[in-house]
Structures are given as C-alpha cells and as structure tokens.
Amino acid sequence: MMIRVATSLLLTLLLAGAAQASTAECLVSRPSVSFSFGVTVGEPYTESEQNDFNLMQLQRLGVNATRAEMWGGCIRAFVRKPGGGEEMQFFHPDTFERVFP
C-alpha cells in the first residue's frame, strides 16, 4: 500500500515538473524596450477580451487558429492542420512567437 502511494506521489511530481518546464519559455522576459506613463483609460480587459485579441493577432500573423487562451504564462492556440483536425500550439504573450514546450 505504501509503495503505491509513494509511486503515485512521485509520478504526480514528475508530471507537474514537466508541465512547468513546458511553459518556461513563455515566462522568460525577451529583450525589448517598453515605455509606461502610468495613464489608464477605461477598464482593464476581461479574460474573454484578451483571448479574443490574442486570437485576432495570431490570425493577423498568419496562424490558422480557431481559439486562443492564456495557459501557464503562454498563449495556447488551437490551430487547424492542413490535412484536417487541430493541434495545440503555444505562443509567447509579448512577441507572439511560437514556443515549443
């Protein structure tokens, strides 16, 4: 019984570590220049509005995505494959570059 519990716990920890490692590229700051003036106009975007914006931006960049959402620091997009079906692809939220988990 104790071996089963220990094995389950170890497997859970390994899978959690793999999930965190897969999103590490999205959490790393990219070299860039940004300016902030501390002025806010209107309300902050809702999660749904941000997802819609990300989807439109990906489509504008030529990604054949059907939906997009924030997931573990990345933009997770569901992209149509040329032969049919869809696959998940991950993009950096600042640069919209594809990252590979």
N, C-alpha and C. Protein backbone atom coordinates (compact mmCIF):
# COMPACT_ATOMS: atom_id res chain seq x y z
N MET A 1 0.83 -1.20 0.00
CA MET A 1 0.00 0.00 0.00
C MET A 1 0.86 1.25 0.00
N MET A 2 1.89 1.27 0.86
CA MET A 2 2.76 2.43 0.95
C MET A 2 3.53 2.66 -0.34
N ILE A 3 3.90 1.57 -1.01
CA ILE A 3 4.63 1.68 -2.27
C ILE A 3 3.74 2.31 -3.34
N ARG A 4 2.46 1.95 -3.37
CA ARG A 4 1.52 2.55 -4.32
C ARG A 4 1.40 4.05 -4.11
N VAL A 5 1.27 4.47 -2.86
CA VAL A 5 1.14 5.89 -2.54
C VAL A 5 2.41 6.64 -2.96
N ALA A 6 3.56 6.08 -2.62
CA ALA A 6 4.84 6.71 -2.96
C ALA A 6 5.01 6.80 -4.48
N THR A 7 4.65 5.75 -5.19
CA THR A 7 4.75 5.74 -6.65
C THR A 7 3.82 6.77 -7.26
N SER A 8 2.59 6.87 -6.76
CA SER A 8 1.64 7.86 -7.26
C SER A 8 2.13 9.27 -7.00
N LEU A 9 2.67 9.51 -5.83
CA LEU A 9 3.19 10.83 -5.49
C LEU A 9 4.36 11.20 -6.39
N LEU A 10 5.27 10.27 -6.60
CA LEU A 10 6.42 10.52 -7.46
C LEU A 10 5.99 10.82 -8.89
N LEU A 11 5.05 10.06 -9.41
CA LEU A 11 4.54 10.28 -10.76
C LEU A 11 3.89 11.65 -10.88
N THR A 12 3.10 12.04 -9.88
CA THR A 12 2.46 13.35 -9.87
C THR A 12 3.49 14.47 -9.89
N LEU A 13 4.53 14.34 -9.07
CA LEU A 13 5.58 15.36 -9.03
C LEU A 13 6.33 15.45 -10.36
N LEU A 14 6.60 14.33 -10.98
CA LEU A 14 7.29 14.34 -12.27
C LEU A 14 6.44 15.01 -13.34
N LEU A 15 5.15 14.69 -13.37
CA LEU A 15 4.26 15.30 -14.36
C LEU A 15 4.10 16.80 -14.12
N ALA A 16 4.02 17.21 -12.87
CA ALA A 16 3.92 18.63 -12.56
C ALA A 16 5.18 19.36 -12.98
N GLY A 17 6.33 18.76 -12.76
CA GLY A 17 7.58 19.36 -13.19
C GLY A 17 7.67 19.49 -14.70
N ALA A 18 7.19 18.49 -15.41
CA ALA A 18 7.19 18.54 -16.88
C ALA A 18 6.26 19.64 -17.38
N ALA A 19 5.11 19.81 -16.74
CA ALA A 19 4.18 20.86 -17.14
C ALA A 19 4.78 22.24 -16.91
N GLN A 20 5.48 22.42 -15.80
CA GLN A 20 6.11 23.71 -15.54
C GLN A 20 7.23 23.96 -16.52
N ALA A 21 8.01 22.96 -16.85
CA ALA A 21 9.11 23.13 -17.79
C ALA A 21 8.60 23.50 -19.17
N SER A 22 7.43 23.00 -19.54
CA SER A 22 6.91 23.28 -20.87
C SER A 22 6.51 24.73 -21.04
N THR A 23 6.21 25.44 -19.98
CA THR A 23 5.80 26.84 -20.10
C THR A 23 6.92 27.80 -19.77
N ALA A 24 8.11 27.29 -19.45
CA ALA A 24 9.20 28.15 -19.02
C ALA A 24 9.57 29.18 -20.08
N GLU A 25 9.49 28.84 -21.36
CA GLU A 25 9.86 29.78 -22.40
C GLU A 25 8.95 31.00 -22.43
N CYS A 26 7.72 30.86 -22.01
CA CYS A 26 6.80 31.99 -22.03
C CYS A 26 7.02 32.92 -20.85
N LEU A 27 7.60 32.41 -19.78
CA LEU A 27 7.79 33.23 -18.60
C LEU A 27 9.11 33.99 -18.62
N VAL A 28 9.99 33.67 -19.54
CA VAL A 28 11.27 34.35 -19.63
C VAL A 28 11.07 35.66 -20.37
N SER A 29 11.60 36.74 -19.81
CA SER A 29 11.50 38.04 -20.46
C SER A 29 12.34 38.06 -21.72
N ARG A 30 11.78 38.63 -22.76
CA ARG A 30 12.50 38.78 -24.01
C ARG A 30 13.15 40.16 -24.03
N PRO A 31 14.30 40.30 -24.71
CA PRO A 31 14.90 41.63 -24.81
C PRO A 31 13.95 42.56 -25.56
N SER A 32 13.67 43.69 -24.96
CA SER A 32 12.76 44.63 -25.60
C SER A 32 12.87 45.98 -24.92
N VAL A 33 12.22 46.95 -25.51
CA VAL A 33 12.14 48.28 -24.93
C VAL A 33 10.67 48.57 -24.73
N SER A 34 10.32 49.03 -23.55
CA SER A 34 8.92 49.38 -23.31
C SER A 34 8.87 50.69 -22.55
N PHE A 35 7.79 51.41 -22.75
CA PHE A 35 7.56 52.68 -22.08
C PHE A 35 6.26 52.60 -21.33
N SER A 36 6.22 53.20 -20.17
CA SER A 36 5.00 53.23 -19.38
C SER A 36 4.83 54.62 -18.80
N PHE A 37 3.65 55.18 -18.96
CA PHE A 37 3.39 56.52 -18.47
C PHE A 37 2.43 56.54 -17.30
N GLY A 38 1.90 55.39 -16.92
CA GLY A 38 1.01 55.32 -15.77
C GLY A 38 -0.37 55.89 -15.99
N VAL A 39 -0.80 55.99 -17.23
CA VAL A 39 -2.13 56.51 -17.54
C VAL A 39 -3.00 55.35 -18.00
N THR A 40 -4.17 55.22 -17.42
CA THR A 40 -5.09 54.18 -17.80
C THR A 40 -6.38 54.82 -18.30
N VAL A 41 -6.85 54.36 -19.44
CA VAL A 41 -8.11 54.85 -19.99
C VAL A 41 -9.06 53.66 -20.06
N GLY A 42 -10.19 53.76 -19.42
CA GLY A 42 -11.16 52.69 -19.44
C GLY A 42 -10.81 51.57 -18.48
N GLU A 43 -11.62 50.54 -18.54
CA GLU A 43 -11.45 49.37 -17.67
C GLU A 43 -10.41 48.42 -18.26
N PRO A 44 -9.76 47.63 -17.40
CA PRO A 44 -8.84 46.62 -17.93
C PRO A 44 -9.61 45.57 -18.74
N TYR A 45 -8.90 44.92 -19.65
CA TYR A 45 -9.54 43.90 -20.47
C TYR A 45 -10.01 42.73 -19.61
N THR A 46 -11.15 42.18 -19.97
CA THR A 46 -11.58 40.95 -19.34
C THR A 46 -10.77 39.79 -19.94
N GLU A 47 -10.83 38.64 -19.32
CA GLU A 47 -10.14 37.46 -19.85
C GLU A 47 -10.63 37.12 -21.25
N SER A 48 -11.92 37.22 -21.45
CA SER A 48 -12.51 36.91 -22.75
C SER A 48 -12.03 37.90 -23.82
N GLU A 49 -11.97 39.19 -23.47
CA GLU A 49 -11.50 40.19 -24.43
C GLU A 49 -10.03 39.98 -24.78
N GLN A 50 -9.22 39.63 -23.78
CA GLN A 50 -7.80 39.37 -24.03
C GLN A 50 -7.63 38.15 -24.93
N ASN A 51 -8.43 37.11 -24.69
CA ASN A 51 -8.37 35.92 -25.54
C ASN A 51 -8.76 36.25 -26.98
N ASP A 52 -9.81 37.06 -27.15
CA ASP A 52 -10.23 37.47 -28.49
C ASP A 52 -9.14 38.28 -29.19
N PHE A 53 -8.50 39.19 -28.44
CA PHE A 53 -7.42 39.99 -29.02
C PHE A 53 -6.26 39.08 -29.46
N ASN A 54 -5.87 38.16 -28.59
CA ASN A 54 -4.78 37.24 -28.93
C ASN A 54 -5.11 36.41 -30.17
N LEU A 55 -6.35 35.94 -30.25
CA LEU A 55 -6.77 35.17 -31.42
C LEU A 55 -6.68 36.02 -32.69
N MET A 56 -7.18 37.24 -32.63
CA MET A 56 -7.12 38.12 -33.82
C MET A 56 -5.68 38.42 -34.21
N GLN A 57 -4.82 38.65 -33.21
CA GLN A 57 -3.42 38.94 -33.51
C GLN A 57 -2.73 37.74 -34.16
N LEU A 58 -2.97 36.55 -33.63
CA LEU A 58 -2.39 35.35 -34.24
C LEU A 58 -2.88 35.16 -35.67
N GLN A 59 -4.17 35.37 -35.89
CA GLN A 59 -4.72 35.22 -37.24
C GLN A 59 -4.12 36.26 -38.18
N ARG A 60 -3.92 37.47 -37.67
CA ARG A 60 -3.31 38.54 -38.47
C ARG A 60 -1.88 38.17 -38.87
N LEU A 61 -1.21 37.41 -38.01
CA LEU A 61 0.15 36.98 -38.28
C LEU A 61 0.21 35.70 -39.12
N GLY A 62 -0.95 35.20 -39.56
CA GLY A 62 -0.99 34.05 -40.46
C GLY A 62 -1.20 32.71 -39.79
N VAL A 63 -1.48 32.70 -38.49
CA VAL A 63 -1.74 31.44 -37.79
C VAL A 63 -3.22 31.10 -37.98
N ASN A 64 -3.52 29.91 -38.45
CA ASN A 64 -4.90 29.49 -38.73
C ASN A 64 -5.54 28.95 -37.44
N ALA A 65 -5.67 29.83 -36.44
CA ALA A 65 -6.18 29.44 -35.13
C ALA A 65 -7.69 29.58 -35.07
N THR A 66 -8.33 28.67 -34.32
CA THR A 66 -9.77 28.73 -34.12
C THR A 66 -10.13 29.33 -32.77
N ARG A 67 -9.22 29.21 -31.78
CA ARG A 67 -9.42 29.85 -30.48
C ARG A 67 -8.08 29.96 -29.77
N ALA A 68 -8.02 30.88 -28.82
CA ALA A 68 -6.78 31.10 -28.07
C ALA A 68 -7.14 31.44 -26.63
N GLU A 69 -6.25 31.05 -25.71
CA GLU A 69 -6.46 31.33 -24.30
C GLU A 69 -5.12 31.36 -23.60
N MET A 70 -5.05 32.06 -22.48
CA MET A 70 -3.83 32.08 -21.69
C MET A 70 -3.76 30.76 -20.92
N TRP A 71 -2.57 30.18 -20.89
CA TRP A 71 -2.39 28.89 -20.22
C TRP A 71 -0.95 28.79 -19.75
N GLY A 72 -0.75 28.82 -18.46
CA GLY A 72 0.58 28.66 -17.89
C GLY A 72 1.57 29.71 -18.33
N GLY A 73 1.13 30.94 -18.57
CA GLY A 73 2.03 32.00 -19.00
C GLY A 73 2.16 32.12 -20.50
N CYS A 74 1.65 31.16 -21.25
CA CYS A 74 1.70 31.18 -22.72
C CYS A 74 0.30 31.45 -23.27
N ILE A 75 0.27 31.77 -24.54
CA ILE A 75 -0.99 31.76 -25.27
C ILE A 75 -1.10 30.36 -25.87
N ARG A 76 -2.14 29.64 -25.50
CA ARG A 76 -2.39 28.33 -26.08
C ARG A 76 -3.42 28.52 -27.18
N ALA A 77 -3.05 28.15 -28.40
CA ALA A 77 -3.96 28.31 -29.53
C ALA A 77 -4.26 26.95 -30.13
N PHE A 78 -5.47 26.79 -30.58
CA PHE A 78 -5.89 25.58 -31.28
C PHE A 78 -5.86 25.92 -32.77
N VAL A 79 -4.94 25.28 -33.49
CA VAL A 79 -4.63 25.65 -34.87
C VAL A 79 -5.04 24.52 -35.80
N ARG A 80 -5.72 24.90 -36.89
CA ARG A 80 -6.13 23.91 -37.90
C ARG A 80 -4.90 23.38 -38.62
N LYS A 81 -4.86 22.06 -38.78
CA LYS A 81 -3.78 21.41 -39.53
C LYS A 81 -4.20 21.32 -40.99
N PRO A 82 -3.23 21.40 -41.92
CA PRO A 82 -3.57 21.36 -43.35
C PRO A 82 -4.34 20.11 -43.77
N GLY A 83 -4.04 18.97 -43.17
CA GLY A 83 -4.71 17.73 -43.54
C GLY A 83 -6.02 17.49 -42.82
N GLY A 84 -6.41 18.42 -41.97
CA GLY A 84 -7.63 18.28 -41.18
C GLY A 84 -7.30 18.12 -39.71
N GLY A 85 -8.23 18.45 -38.88
CA GLY A 85 -8.05 18.38 -37.44
C GLY A 85 -7.37 19.63 -36.90
N GLU A 86 -7.09 19.60 -35.62
CA GLU A 86 -6.46 20.73 -34.95
C GLU A 86 -5.33 20.23 -34.06
N GLU A 87 -4.41 21.13 -33.75
CA GLU A 87 -3.36 20.83 -32.79
C GLU A 87 -3.16 22.05 -31.90
N MET A 88 -2.67 21.81 -30.69
CA MET A 88 -2.35 22.91 -29.79
C MET A 88 -0.97 23.44 -30.13
N GLN A 89 -0.87 24.76 -30.18
CA GLN A 89 0.42 25.42 -30.34
C GLN A 89 0.51 26.50 -29.28
N PHE A 90 1.74 26.81 -28.85
CA PHE A 90 1.95 27.78 -27.78
C PHE A 90 2.74 28.96 -28.31
N PHE A 91 2.37 30.16 -27.85
CA PHE A 91 2.97 31.39 -28.31
C PHE A 91 3.32 32.28 -27.11
N HIS A 92 4.40 33.05 -27.26
CA HIS A 92 4.82 33.97 -26.22
C HIS A 92 3.83 35.13 -26.19
N PRO A 93 3.32 35.53 -25.02
CA PRO A 93 2.28 36.56 -24.95
C PRO A 93 2.76 37.97 -25.32
N ASP A 94 4.05 38.22 -25.27
CA ASP A 94 4.55 39.56 -25.62
C ASP A 94 4.91 39.68 -27.09
N THR A 95 5.50 38.62 -27.65
CA THR A 95 6.02 38.69 -29.01
C THR A 95 5.20 37.91 -30.02
N PHE A 96 4.31 37.06 -29.55
CA PHE A 96 3.50 36.17 -30.38
C PHE A 96 4.38 35.20 -31.19
N GLU A 97 5.61 34.99 -30.72
CA GLU A 97 6.47 33.97 -31.32
C GLU A 97 6.03 32.60 -30.84
N ARG A 98 6.09 31.62 -31.74
CA ARG A 98 5.75 30.25 -31.33
C ARG A 98 6.85 29.71 -30.43
N VAL A 99 6.44 29.08 -29.35
CA VAL A 99 7.40 28.43 -28.45
C VAL A 99 7.10 26.94 -28.47
N PHE A 100 8.12 26.17 -28.20
CA PHE A 100 7.99 24.72 -28.26
C PHE A 100 8.20 24.15 -26.87
N PRO A 101 7.14 23.57 -26.30
CA PRO A 101 7.27 23.01 -24.94
C PRO A 101 8.16 21.78 -24.92
